[in-house]
Amino acid sequence: MRKGEETSALRETIDRALTEMAEDGTLTELSVKYFGTDITQSR
């Protein structure tokens, strides 16, 4: 795997994880706990 491919694979994995966390509410819970606001809401 080349450097660019590794970066792309990592981005895809992170995106997939964040999407799953947003869908099940985990991302909202964590953002409120640590940032004091729901970062999943668009402004």
Protein backbone atom coordinates (compact mmCIF):
# COMPACT_ATOMS: atom_id res chain seq x y z
CA MET A 1 0.00 0.00 0.00
CA ARG A 2 1.36 3.40 -0.94
CA LYS A 3 1.19 6.50 1.24
CA GLY A 4 -1.75 8.02 -0.64
CA GLU A 5 -3.66 4.76 -0.45
CA GLU A 6 -3.08 4.53 3.30
CA THR A 7 -4.37 8.06 3.78
CA SER A 8 -7.45 7.33 1.70
CA ALA A 9 -8.17 4.11 3.59
CA LEU A 10 -7.77 5.90 6.93
CA ARG A 11 -10.13 8.70 5.87
CA GLU A 12 -12.74 6.18 4.73
CA THR A 13 -12.48 4.29 8.04
CA ILE A 14 -12.82 7.46 10.10
CA ASP A 15 -15.74 8.67 7.99
CA ARG A 16 -17.50 5.33 8.38
CA ALA A 17 -16.94 5.34 12.16
CA LEU A 18 -18.20 8.92 12.55
CA THR A 19 -21.26 8.15 10.43
CA GLU A 20 -22.12 5.14 12.59
CA MET A 21 -21.60 7.17 15.77
CA ALA A 22 -23.84 9.95 14.44
CA GLU A 23 -26.56 7.49 13.50
CA ASP A 24 -26.69 5.81 16.91
CA GLY A 25 -26.40 9.04 18.93
CA THR A 26 -22.95 8.37 20.35
CA LEU A 27 -21.39 11.33 18.56
CA THR A 28 -24.03 13.68 19.96
CA GLU A 29 -23.49 12.39 23.50
CA LEU A 30 -19.72 12.78 23.27
CA SER A 31 -19.87 16.23 21.69
CA VAL A 32 -22.22 17.53 24.37
CA LYS A 33 -20.11 15.98 27.13
CA TYR A 34 -16.76 17.30 25.91
CA PHE A 35 -17.65 20.42 23.91
CA GLY A 36 -20.85 21.54 25.62
CA THR A 37 -22.77 21.52 22.35
CA ASP A 38 -24.07 19.12 19.74
CA ILE A 39 -21.49 19.37 16.95
CA THR A 40 -23.62 17.20 14.67
CA GLN A 41 -26.14 20.03 14.18
CA SER A 42 -25.57 22.38 11.26
CA ARG A 43 -25.65 26.05 12.03
